[in-house]
Amino acid sequence: MTTSGPAALSLDRTSAEHFAEWFALLADPTRVQLLHTLSTSPSGAMRIGDLSEALGISQSTCSHHCQVLKKVGFVVVDKVGTSSMVSVNPACCTGLPHAADVVMGTLAAPPCCPSDLPADVSTRPLVDKDMVAVLAIYEEGLATRNATFETQVPTAAQLRAKWLPAMAWVAVLDGRVVGWTAIQATSERACYAGVGESSVYVTETARGRGVGKALLFTQVTEADRTGLWTLQTSIFPENRASLALHRSAGYRTLAVRPRLAQLDGVWRDTVMLERRSEIN
């Protein structure tokens, strides 16, 4: 399949000024190192003292950089007792790539689909007997609170009723279903017949085995084959693995939607991603 870049997004003056402020702040190498150190820390958050020690700078200098980054939303600073805990704002992980895509005319050559597919994972169309495993995997996703706003597991009939006909697949590893993906309609209007909303779930014990890659490969190639010209999905910014997986399949960030809805009484952001078929 050949690919060509999607049409460039227009860049208005307000957005240009906003993005320029981001890039200007990141012109300081200490701030770049600070963000990297926080992003790669095991806990995802560090005390100012520990962060300054890791960077080899004074606590006052570290605190200054954190406050500057906090003003534009790159980091979050919370008081825990007498200590200041600093963590990366997950939305910045998606906002920055989006800004770079817009400035540079978006992705010049979006990938067709994931590469390096695992040899031991196979995919096939979902059948009725798979629904027990599918619902169990979905329940695992609900429990993470980073997969969906839903809080209750539906019945098999309710879940299948959402999906487009023949637009659901499972991944099999060592003889058992370890993941699934499905596409549902975004609208009942005929003009949106080629637009679908996708979902992908992988069981916890099989993560890191390439199951998601195998599912996304099947999802996007089958969607192309059947004439779907647009796939879209919304992902919590904290779910960085899912964001990376979808980008490998040609999805691109359209926007970060702040405080879109509440989950367990907490306002959550989502990242809106879209993939356009190049053969329709």
Protein backbone atom coordinates (compact mmCIF):
# COMPACT_ATOMS: atom_id res chain seq x y z
CA MET A 1 0.00 0.00 0.00
CA THR A 2 1.33 3.45 -0.85
CA THR A 3 0.78 6.37 1.48
CA SER A 4 0.81 10.08 1.08
CA GLY A 5 0.58 12.69 3.81
CA PRO A 6 -2.83 13.91 4.96
CA ALA A 7 -3.79 17.48 4.21
CA ALA A 8 -1.95 19.93 6.42
CA LEU A 9 -3.93 21.48 9.25
CA SER A 10 -4.21 25.28 9.13
CA LEU A 11 -2.20 27.06 11.80
CA ASP A 12 -3.83 30.22 13.12
CA ARG A 13 -1.91 32.95 14.92
CA THR A 14 -3.24 32.07 18.37
CA SER A 15 -2.18 28.43 18.06
CA ALA A 16 1.19 29.47 16.63
CA GLU A 17 1.83 31.71 19.65
CA HIS A 18 0.76 28.92 22.00
CA PHE A 19 3.03 26.36 20.37
CA ALA A 20 5.92 28.85 20.22
CA GLU A 21 5.68 29.27 23.99
CA TRP A 22 5.99 25.50 24.41
CA PHE A 23 9.00 25.23 22.13
CA ALA A 24 10.68 28.25 23.74
CA LEU A 25 10.44 26.66 27.18
CA LEU A 26 11.96 23.45 25.85
CA ALA A 27 14.91 25.36 24.36
CA ASP A 28 16.51 24.99 27.80
CA PRO A 29 18.32 21.62 28.01
CA THR A 30 17.80 21.42 31.78
CA ARG A 31 14.03 21.50 31.28
CA VAL A 32 14.25 18.82 28.61
CA GLN A 33 16.28 16.63 30.99
CA LEU A 34 13.83 17.38 33.80
CA LEU A 35 10.84 16.22 31.74
CA HIS A 36 12.71 13.11 30.60
CA THR A 37 13.75 12.24 34.15
CA LEU A 38 10.18 12.54 35.39
CA SER A 39 8.72 10.62 32.45
CA THR A 40 11.09 7.69 32.94
CA SER A 41 10.98 7.54 36.75
CA PRO A 42 9.40 4.29 38.03
CA SER A 43 6.79 6.07 40.15
CA GLY A 44 6.04 8.80 37.63
CA ALA A 45 6.58 11.45 40.31
CA MET A 46 9.61 12.76 42.20
CA ARG A 47 10.33 15.06 45.11
CA ILE A 48 12.04 18.32 44.24
CA GLY A 49 15.08 17.25 46.27
CA ASP A 50 15.43 13.92 44.50
CA LEU A 51 14.86 15.54 41.11
CA SER A 52 17.49 18.22 41.71
CA GLU A 53 19.97 15.54 42.79
CA ALA A 54 19.29 13.47 39.67
CA LEU A 55 19.84 16.54 37.47
CA GLY A 56 22.88 17.81 39.37
CA ILE A 57 21.37 21.24 40.07
CA SER A 58 20.36 23.10 43.22
CA GLN A 59 16.90 22.66 44.69
CA SER A 60 16.10 26.33 44.13
CA THR A 61 17.03 26.07 40.44
CA CYS A 62 15.04 22.85 40.09
CA SER A 63 12.03 24.44 41.78
CA HIS A 64 12.23 27.42 39.43
CA HIS A 65 12.23 25.21 36.33
CA CYS A 66 9.31 23.19 37.71
CA GLN A 67 7.25 26.31 38.30
CA VAL A 68 7.95 27.56 34.77
CA LEU A 69 6.90 24.20 33.32
CA LYS A 70 3.84 24.11 35.57
CA LYS A 71 2.56 27.44 34.20
CA VAL A 72 2.14 25.97 30.71
CA GLY A 73 0.86 22.63 31.95
CA PHE A 74 3.90 20.44 31.27
CA VAL A 75 4.14 19.29 34.88
CA VAL A 76 1.96 19.06 37.96
CA VAL A 77 3.31 20.06 41.37
CA ASP A 78 1.52 18.71 44.44
CA LYS A 79 2.23 19.24 48.12
CA VAL A 80 2.64 15.97 50.02
CA GLY A 81 3.31 16.84 53.62
CA THR A 82 6.26 19.23 53.58
CA SER A 83 7.53 17.99 50.22
CA SER A 84 6.69 19.11 46.70
CA MET A 85 6.00 16.18 44.36
CA VAL A 86 6.46 16.82 40.65
CA SER A 87 4.94 14.68 37.89
CA VAL A 88 4.52 15.04 34.13
CA ASN A 89 1.10 16.18 32.99
CA PRO A 90 0.04 13.22 30.78
CA ALA A 91 -1.72 15.53 28.33
CA CYS A 92 1.60 17.13 27.38
CA CYS A 93 2.79 13.76 26.07
CA THR A 94 0.14 14.02 23.37
CA GLY A 95 -0.05 17.78 23.03
CA LEU A 96 3.60 18.09 22.02
CA PRO A 97 3.47 15.55 19.16
CA HIS A 98 0.26 17.20 17.97
CA ALA A 99 1.92 20.62 17.97
CA ALA A 100 4.91 19.31 16.06
CA ASP A 101 2.63 17.59 13.54
CA VAL A 102 0.71 20.80 12.91
CA VAL A 103 3.79 22.99 12.59
CA MET A 104 5.45 20.57 10.19
CA GLY A 105 2.30 19.92 8.16
CA THR A 106 1.31 16.82 10.22
CA LEU A 107 2.77 13.40 9.55
CA ALA A 108 4.36 13.46 6.11
CA ALA A 109 4.10 9.72 5.61
CA PRO A 110 1.83 8.00 8.13
CA PRO A 111 2.54 4.32 8.58
CA CYS A 112 0.14 1.86 6.99
CA CYS A 113 0.02 -0.51 9.92
CA PRO A 114 2.21 -1.94 12.69
CA SER A 115 5.35 -3.79 11.66
CA ASP A 116 7.31 -6.54 13.40
CA LEU A 117 4.23 -8.64 14.05
CA PRO A 118 4.72 -11.49 16.54
CA ALA A 119 5.02 -14.93 14.99
CA ASP A 120 3.19 -16.65 17.86
CA VAL A 121 0.05 -14.47 17.82
CA SER A 122 -2.72 -15.08 15.31
CA THR A 123 -5.94 -13.16 14.69
CA ARG A 124 -9.31 -14.27 13.36
CA PRO A 125 -12.91 -13.04 13.19
CA LEU A 126 -14.72 -13.13 16.52
CA VAL A 127 -17.34 -15.86 17.00
CA ASP A 128 -20.00 -16.33 19.68
CA LYS A 129 -17.93 -18.68 21.84
CA ASP A 130 -15.24 -16.00 22.18
CA MET A 131 -17.53 -13.65 24.10
CA VAL A 132 -16.76 -15.13 27.52
CA ALA A 133 -13.09 -14.31 27.07
CA VAL A 134 -13.88 -10.98 25.41
CA LEU A 135 -16.01 -9.82 28.34
CA ALA A 136 -13.36 -10.95 30.84
CA ILE A 137 -10.70 -8.95 29.00
CA TYR A 138 -13.03 -5.96 28.82
CA GLU A 139 -13.60 -6.19 32.57
CA GLU A 140 -9.82 -6.07 33.10
CA GLY A 141 -9.73 -2.89 31.03
CA LEU A 142 -12.48 -1.32 33.13
CA ALA A 143 -10.55 -2.10 36.29
CA THR A 144 -7.50 -0.12 35.14
CA ARG A 145 -9.60 3.07 34.90
CA ASN A 146 -7.41 4.04 31.95
CA ALA A 147 -9.30 2.28 29.16
CA THR A 148 -12.85 3.63 29.07
CA PHE A 149 -15.36 5.82 30.86
CA GLU A 150 -17.63 2.80 31.24
CA THR A 151 -17.76 1.28 34.71
CA GLN A 152 -19.95 -1.79 34.20
CA VAL A 153 -19.44 -4.80 31.98
CA PRO A 154 -22.25 -5.14 29.42
CA THR A 155 -23.82 -8.39 28.34
CA ALA A 156 -22.46 -10.17 25.29
CA ALA A 157 -25.56 -9.14 23.33
CA GLN A 158 -25.20 -5.49 24.32
CA LEU A 159 -21.55 -5.37 23.31
CA ARG A 160 -22.03 -7.16 20.00
CA ALA A 161 -24.98 -4.93 19.13
CA LYS A 162 -22.63 -1.94 19.07
CA TRP A 163 -20.25 -3.42 16.50
CA LEU A 164 -20.49 -3.24 12.75
CA PRO A 165 -21.18 -6.62 11.11
CA ALA A 166 -17.99 -8.67 10.65
CA MET A 167 -15.92 -5.89 12.23
CA ALA A 168 -14.69 -7.68 15.35
CA TRP A 169 -11.60 -9.86 15.73
CA VAL A 170 -9.75 -11.73 18.46
CA ALA A 171 -6.07 -12.47 19.00
CA VAL A 172 -5.01 -15.98 19.97
CA LEU A 173 -1.80 -16.87 21.82
CA ASP A 174 -0.95 -20.38 23.03
CA GLY A 175 -4.44 -21.53 22.14
CA ARG A 176 -6.40 -18.93 24.10
CA VAL A 177 -8.04 -15.61 23.31
CA VAL A 178 -5.82 -12.85 24.72
CA GLY A 179 -7.23 -9.73 23.08
CA TRP A 180 -9.89 -8.30 20.83
CA THR A 181 -10.65 -5.32 18.63
CA ALA A 182 -13.91 -4.11 17.16
CA ILE A 183 -15.31 -1.22 15.14
CA GLN A 184 -18.67 0.42 15.72
CA ALA A 185 -20.55 3.01 13.70
CA THR A 186 -20.18 6.64 14.70
CA SER A 187 -23.51 7.69 13.24
CA GLU A 188 -26.65 6.25 11.67
CA ARG A 189 -26.52 8.84 8.87
CA ALA A 190 -25.67 7.35 5.49
CA CYS A 191 -22.97 9.94 4.77
CA TYR A 192 -20.95 8.57 7.71
CA ALA A 193 -21.19 4.93 6.64
CA GLY A 194 -17.43 4.77 6.14
CA VAL A 195 -16.54 6.20 9.55
CA GLY A 196 -16.00 3.86 12.47
CA GLU A 197 -14.93 4.09 16.10
CA SER A 198 -12.43 1.45 17.13
CA SER A 199 -11.64 -0.31 20.41
CA VAL A 200 -8.70 -2.54 21.35
CA TYR A 201 -8.26 -4.58 24.52
CA VAL A 202 -5.47 -6.98 25.54
CA THR A 203 -5.49 -9.20 28.63
CA GLU A 204 -2.99 -8.17 31.29
CA THR A 205 -1.01 -11.44 31.19
CA ALA A 206 -0.34 -11.09 27.45
CA ARG A 207 0.71 -7.45 27.33
CA GLY A 208 4.13 -6.81 25.87
CA ARG A 209 3.84 -9.81 23.54
CA GLY A 210 2.81 -7.90 20.42
CA VAL A 211 -0.87 -8.79 20.74
CA GLY A 212 -1.93 -5.18 20.24
CA LYS A 213 0.18 -4.92 17.09
CA ALA A 214 -1.40 -8.02 15.63
CA LEU A 215 -4.90 -6.74 16.41
CA LEU A 216 -4.24 -3.26 14.97
CA PHE A 217 -2.78 -4.78 11.80
CA THR A 218 -5.95 -6.81 11.29
CA GLN A 219 -8.21 -3.92 12.24
CA VAL A 220 -6.78 -1.35 9.84
CA THR A 221 -6.18 -3.68 6.90
CA GLU A 222 -9.69 -5.14 7.14
CA ALA A 223 -11.19 -1.67 7.54
CA ASP A 224 -9.37 -0.57 4.38
CA ARG A 225 -10.48 -3.69 2.54
CA THR A 226 -14.15 -3.21 3.40
CA GLY A 227 -14.24 0.48 2.46
CA LEU A 228 -14.10 2.25 5.80
CA TRP A 229 -12.32 5.51 5.04
CA THR A 230 -11.95 6.83 8.58
CA LEU A 231 -11.26 5.18 11.92
CA GLN A 232 -11.32 7.21 15.10
CA THR A 233 -10.73 6.51 18.76
CA SER A 234 -10.41 8.32 22.09
CA ILE A 235 -7.68 7.34 24.54
CA PHE A 236 -6.83 8.58 28.01
CA PRO A 237 -3.49 10.46 27.87
CA GLU A 238 -2.21 8.29 30.73
CA ASN A 239 -2.47 5.24 28.47
CA ARG A 240 0.77 5.95 26.64
CA ALA A 241 1.19 2.38 25.39
CA SER A 242 -2.12 2.55 23.57
CA LEU A 243 -1.28 5.95 22.10
CA ALA A 244 2.02 4.61 20.72
CA LEU A 245 0.30 1.50 19.36
CA HIS A 246 -2.31 3.50 17.47
CA ARG A 247 0.27 5.88 16.03
CA SER A 248 2.13 2.86 14.66
CA ALA A 249 -1.04 2.02 12.73
CA GLY A 250 -1.32 5.43 11.10
CA TYR A 251 -3.57 7.11 13.65
CA ARG A 252 -2.67 10.75 14.25
CA THR A 253 -3.54 13.05 17.13
CA LEU A 254 -6.31 15.51 16.32
CA ALA A 255 -6.73 17.10 19.73
CA VAL A 256 -6.45 16.71 23.45
CA ARG A 257 -9.93 17.19 24.90
CA PRO A 258 -9.53 18.47 28.48
CA ARG A 259 -12.03 17.57 31.20
CA LEU A 260 -14.27 15.77 28.74
CA ALA A 261 -16.16 13.65 31.26
CA GLN A 262 -15.96 12.30 34.79
CA LEU A 263 -14.83 8.83 35.83
CA ASP A 264 -15.35 7.95 39.49
CA GLY A 265 -16.06 11.62 40.14
CA VAL A 266 -12.79 12.82 38.59
CA TRP A 267 -12.65 14.92 35.41
CA ARG A 268 -10.56 13.17 32.77
CA ASP A 269 -8.93 14.30 29.53
CA THR A 270 -8.99 12.26 26.35
CA VAL A 271 -6.89 12.26 23.20
CA MET A 272 -8.80 12.15 19.92
CA LEU A 273 -7.01 10.18 17.21
CA GLU A 274 -7.97 9.46 13.63
CA ARG A 275 -6.76 7.24 10.81
CA ARG A 276 -7.65 7.96 7.18
CA SER A 277 -7.53 5.20 4.58
CA GLU A 278 -5.28 5.95 1.61
CA ILE A 279 -7.14 3.61 -0.77
CA ASN A 280 -10.58 5.26 -0.67
